């Protein structure tokens, strides 16, 4: 379950399954990728956003919570960053 070369963002969401609110398949995939595949590099100063690197193609990926007003930060999004963007935001060389 690697990230395809043409993918630039994985946007998770929460859905109501008739009984409760659950993660959709993209959210589950994000959890799998950050737990089993991507290499964690750095967390930003506020502790919410995290930079990862794909060990296959060396692309940078940022895990963010775009709906931070939601309990627990809401569903996660994994977005590709250029090397320059990653270096600027996460202060590394």
N, C-alpha and C. Protein backbone atom coordinates (compact mmCIF):
# COMPACT_ATOMS: atom_id res chain seq x y z
N UNK A 1 0.83 -1.19 0.00
CA UNK A 1 0.00 0.00 0.00
C UNK A 1 0.88 1.25 0.00
N UNK A 2 1.73 1.38 -0.99
CA UNK A 2 2.60 2.54 -1.11
C UNK A 2 1.83 3.70 -1.72
N UNK A 3 2.47 4.85 -1.73
CA UNK A 3 1.88 6.04 -2.33
C UNK A 3 2.24 6.04 -3.82
N UNK A 4 1.25 6.23 -4.66
CA UNK A 4 1.47 6.25 -6.10
C UNK A 4 2.20 7.53 -6.51
N UNK A 5 2.96 7.48 -7.58
CA UNK A 5 3.76 8.62 -8.03
C UNK A 5 2.91 9.83 -8.39
N UNK A 6 1.68 9.61 -8.83
CA UNK A 6 0.83 10.73 -9.23
C UNK A 6 0.00 11.30 -8.08
N UNK A 7 0.09 10.71 -6.91
CA UNK A 7 -0.67 11.21 -5.77
C UNK A 7 0.08 12.38 -5.13
N UNK A 8 -0.65 13.42 -4.79
CA UNK A 8 -0.06 14.59 -4.13
C UNK A 8 -0.76 14.92 -2.82
N UNK A 9 -1.92 14.33 -2.58
CA UNK A 9 -2.64 14.56 -1.33
C UNK A 9 -3.57 13.39 -1.05
N UNK A 10 -3.62 13.02 0.21
CA UNK A 10 -4.59 12.04 0.69
C UNK A 10 -5.41 12.74 1.76
N UNK A 11 -6.67 12.96 1.48
CA UNK A 11 -7.53 13.72 2.38
C UNK A 11 -8.53 12.78 3.04
N UNK A 12 -8.34 12.56 4.32
CA UNK A 12 -9.22 11.68 5.06
C UNK A 12 -10.49 12.40 5.49
N UNK A 13 -11.48 11.62 5.84
CA UNK A 13 -12.71 12.21 6.37
C UNK A 13 -13.36 11.23 7.33
N UNK A 14 -14.30 11.72 8.07
CA UNK A 14 -15.07 10.89 8.97
C UNK A 14 -16.47 10.76 8.40
N UNK A 15 -17.04 9.57 8.49
CA UNK A 15 -18.36 9.31 7.94
C UNK A 15 -19.23 8.64 9.00
N UNK A 16 -20.52 8.85 8.90
CA UNK A 16 -21.46 8.21 9.80
C UNK A 16 -21.90 6.90 9.17
N UNK A 17 -21.67 5.79 9.87
CA UNK A 17 -21.99 4.47 9.32
C UNK A 17 -23.38 3.98 9.72
N UNK A 18 -24.20 4.88 10.24
CA UNK A 18 -25.54 4.50 10.69
C UNK A 18 -25.62 4.33 12.20
N UNK A 19 -24.47 4.14 12.82
CA UNK A 19 -24.41 3.98 14.27
C UNK A 19 -23.46 4.96 14.94
N UNK A 20 -22.33 5.20 14.25
CA UNK A 20 -21.30 6.06 14.83
C UNK A 20 -20.47 6.70 13.73
N UNK A 21 -19.67 7.67 14.11
CA UNK A 21 -18.76 8.31 13.17
C UNK A 21 -17.47 7.49 13.13
N UNK A 22 -17.04 7.13 11.91
CA UNK A 22 -15.85 6.30 11.72
C UNK A 22 -14.96 6.92 10.65
N UNK A 23 -13.72 6.47 10.61
CA UNK A 23 -12.79 6.93 9.57
C UNK A 23 -13.15 6.30 8.23
N UNK A 24 -12.97 7.07 7.16
CA UNK A 24 -13.16 6.50 5.83
C UNK A 24 -11.92 5.72 5.43
N UNK A 25 -11.93 5.12 4.25
CA UNK A 25 -10.82 4.29 3.80
C UNK A 25 -9.52 5.10 3.61
N UNK A 26 -9.65 6.36 3.20
CA UNK A 26 -8.45 7.18 3.03
C UNK A 26 -7.81 7.46 4.38
N UNK A 27 -8.61 7.75 5.40
CA UNK A 27 -8.07 7.96 6.75
C UNK A 27 -7.36 6.72 7.25
N UNK A 28 -7.95 5.57 7.01
CA UNK A 28 -7.31 4.32 7.42
C UNK A 28 -6.00 4.11 6.67
N UNK A 29 -5.98 4.48 5.40
CA UNK A 29 -4.75 4.35 4.62
C UNK A 29 -3.66 5.28 5.15
N UNK A 30 -4.04 6.51 5.51
CA UNK A 30 -3.08 7.46 6.08
C UNK A 30 -2.47 6.87 7.35
N UNK A 31 -3.30 6.33 8.23
CA UNK A 31 -2.80 5.71 9.46
C UNK A 31 -1.82 4.57 9.15
N UNK A 32 -2.16 3.76 8.17
CA UNK A 32 -1.27 2.66 7.79
C UNK A 32 0.07 3.21 7.29
N UNK A 33 0.02 4.20 6.41
CA UNK A 33 1.24 4.74 5.83
C UNK A 33 2.17 5.35 6.88
N UNK A 34 1.61 6.12 7.81
CA UNK A 34 2.48 6.76 8.81
C UNK A 34 2.97 5.77 9.86
N UNK A 35 2.27 4.68 10.04
CA UNK A 35 2.66 3.67 11.03
C UNK A 35 3.59 2.61 10.46
N UNK A 36 3.49 2.34 9.15
CA UNK A 36 4.19 1.19 8.58
C UNK A 36 5.08 1.47 7.38
N UNK A 37 5.01 2.65 6.81
CA UNK A 37 5.72 2.85 5.56
C UNK A 37 6.57 4.12 5.55
N UNK A 38 5.96 5.26 5.79
CA UNK A 38 6.69 6.53 5.73
C UNK A 38 7.66 6.65 6.90
N UNK A 39 8.73 7.39 6.70
CA UNK A 39 9.74 7.61 7.74
C UNK A 39 9.50 8.98 8.37
N UNK A 40 9.25 8.99 9.67
CA UNK A 40 9.00 10.25 10.38
C UNK A 40 10.32 11.01 10.52
N UNK A 41 10.30 12.30 10.13
CA UNK A 41 11.50 13.12 10.20
C UNK A 41 11.43 14.16 11.31
N UNK A 42 10.32 14.87 11.40
CA UNK A 42 10.27 16.00 12.31
C UNK A 42 8.83 16.44 12.55
N UNK A 43 8.58 16.96 13.74
CA UNK A 43 7.29 17.56 14.08
C UNK A 43 7.49 19.07 14.18
N UNK A 44 6.49 19.84 13.75
CA UNK A 44 6.65 21.29 13.80
C UNK A 44 6.56 21.81 15.24
N UNK A 45 6.78 23.10 15.39
CA UNK A 45 6.84 23.71 16.72
C UNK A 45 5.56 23.57 17.53
N UNK A 46 4.41 23.57 16.87
CA UNK A 46 3.15 23.47 17.62
C UNK A 46 2.79 22.02 17.97
N UNK A 47 3.52 21.07 17.41
CA UNK A 47 3.30 19.67 17.73
C UNK A 47 2.17 18.99 16.98
N UNK A 48 1.53 19.69 16.07
CA UNK A 48 0.40 19.11 15.33
C UNK A 48 0.80 18.56 13.98
N UNK A 49 1.66 19.24 13.26
CA UNK A 49 2.04 18.84 11.90
C UNK A 49 3.34 18.05 11.93
N UNK A 50 3.41 17.02 11.10
CA UNK A 50 4.58 16.14 11.11
C UNK A 50 5.07 15.91 9.69
N UNK A 51 6.39 15.94 9.53
CA UNK A 51 7.02 15.72 8.23
C UNK A 51 7.49 14.28 8.14
N UNK A 52 7.18 13.65 7.01
CA UNK A 52 7.58 12.27 6.72
C UNK A 52 8.29 12.24 5.38
N UNK A 53 9.01 11.14 5.15
CA UNK A 53 9.67 10.94 3.86
C UNK A 53 9.33 9.56 3.34
N UNK A 54 9.03 9.49 2.07
CA UNK A 54 8.75 8.22 1.41
C UNK A 54 10.08 7.54 1.10
N UNK A 55 10.34 6.36 1.66
CA UNK A 55 11.63 5.71 1.44
C UNK A 55 11.84 5.20 0.01
N UNK A 56 10.79 5.13 -0.77
CA UNK A 56 10.92 4.64 -2.14
C UNK A 56 11.33 5.74 -3.11
N UNK A 57 10.64 6.87 -3.06
CA UNK A 57 10.92 7.93 -4.04
C UNK A 57 11.49 9.20 -3.40
N UNK A 58 11.68 9.19 -2.07
CA UNK A 58 12.26 10.31 -1.32
C UNK A 58 11.42 11.58 -1.32
N UNK A 59 10.15 11.46 -1.66
CA UNK A 59 9.28 12.63 -1.56
C UNK A 59 8.97 12.92 -0.10
N UNK A 60 8.74 14.20 0.18
CA UNK A 60 8.36 14.63 1.53
C UNK A 60 6.84 14.70 1.62
N UNK A 61 6.32 14.30 2.78
CA UNK A 61 4.89 14.30 3.03
C UNK A 61 4.62 14.94 4.39
N UNK A 62 3.63 15.81 4.43
CA UNK A 62 3.28 16.47 5.68
C UNK A 62 1.92 15.98 6.15
N UNK A 63 1.86 15.55 7.39
CA UNK A 63 0.60 15.15 8.02
C UNK A 63 0.04 16.37 8.73
N UNK A 64 -1.16 16.78 8.33
CA UNK A 64 -1.79 17.96 8.92
C UNK A 64 -3.22 17.63 9.36
N UNK A 65 -3.78 18.53 10.14
CA UNK A 65 -5.16 18.43 10.62
C UNK A 65 -5.89 19.70 10.17
N UNK A 66 -6.45 19.70 8.97
CA UNK A 66 -7.04 20.93 8.43
C UNK A 66 -8.31 21.39 9.15
N UNK A 67 -8.94 20.51 9.92
CA UNK A 67 -10.15 20.88 10.66
C UNK A 67 -9.86 20.87 12.15
N UNK A 68 -8.87 21.65 12.57
CA UNK A 68 -8.39 21.61 13.94
C UNK A 68 -9.45 21.99 14.97
N UNK A 69 -10.53 22.62 14.52
CA UNK A 69 -11.60 22.98 15.46
C UNK A 69 -12.43 21.77 15.90
N UNK A 70 -12.29 20.65 15.18
CA UNK A 70 -13.01 19.42 15.49
C UNK A 70 -12.28 18.69 16.62
N UNK A 71 -13.03 17.99 17.45
CA UNK A 71 -12.47 17.21 18.54
C UNK A 71 -11.32 16.33 18.05
N UNK A 72 -10.18 16.39 18.73
CA UNK A 72 -9.03 15.55 18.36
C UNK A 72 -8.32 16.00 17.10
N UNK A 73 -8.67 17.17 16.59
CA UNK A 73 -8.02 17.68 15.39
C UNK A 73 -8.72 17.31 14.10
N UNK A 74 -9.73 16.46 14.19
CA UNK A 74 -10.46 16.05 12.99
C UNK A 74 -9.68 15.07 12.15
N UNK A 75 -10.20 14.74 10.98
CA UNK A 75 -9.52 13.78 10.11
C UNK A 75 -8.20 14.35 9.60
N UNK A 76 -7.28 13.46 9.33
CA UNK A 76 -5.94 13.85 8.88
C UNK A 76 -5.87 13.99 7.37
N UNK A 77 -4.89 14.80 6.95
CA UNK A 77 -4.56 14.95 5.53
C UNK A 77 -3.06 14.75 5.39
N UNK A 78 -2.67 14.05 4.36
CA UNK A 78 -1.26 13.83 4.06
C UNK A 78 -1.00 14.51 2.72
N UNK A 79 -0.11 15.52 2.73
CA UNK A 79 0.14 16.32 1.53
C UNK A 79 1.61 16.27 1.15
N UNK A 80 1.87 16.15 -0.14
CA UNK A 80 3.24 16.17 -0.63
C UNK A 80 3.80 17.58 -0.53
N UNK A 81 5.05 17.69 -0.12
CA UNK A 81 5.77 18.97 -0.08
C UNK A 81 7.01 18.85 -0.95
N UNK A 82 7.39 19.95 -1.56
CA UNK A 82 8.66 19.96 -2.27
C UNK A 82 9.78 19.96 -1.22
N UNK A 83 10.97 19.64 -1.64
CA UNK A 83 12.10 19.66 -0.71
C UNK A 83 12.29 21.05 -0.12
N UNK A 84 12.16 22.09 -0.96
CA UNK A 84 12.31 23.46 -0.47
C UNK A 84 11.24 23.82 0.57
N UNK A 85 9.99 23.42 0.31
CA UNK A 85 8.92 23.69 1.27
C UNK A 85 9.19 22.98 2.60
N UNK A 86 9.62 21.73 2.53
CA UNK A 86 9.90 20.96 3.73
C UNK A 86 11.03 21.59 4.53
N UNK A 87 12.10 21.98 3.85
CA UNK A 87 13.24 22.60 4.54
C UNK A 87 12.85 23.92 5.18
N UNK A 88 12.08 24.72 4.51
CA UNK A 88 11.67 26.01 5.04
C UNK A 88 10.77 25.84 6.26
N UNK A 89 9.75 25.02 6.13
CA UNK A 89 8.78 24.87 7.22
C UNK A 89 9.35 24.14 8.43
N UNK A 90 10.20 23.15 8.19
CA UNK A 90 10.71 22.30 9.29
C UNK A 90 12.16 22.60 9.66
N UNK A 91 12.72 23.65 9.09
CA UNK A 91 14.05 24.15 9.46
C UNK A 91 15.14 23.07 9.50
N UNK A 92 15.39 22.47 8.37
CA UNK A 92 16.49 21.51 8.29
C UNK A 92 17.20 21.69 6.95
N UNK A 93 18.37 21.10 6.83
CA UNK A 93 19.16 21.21 5.60
C UNK A 93 19.19 19.92 4.85
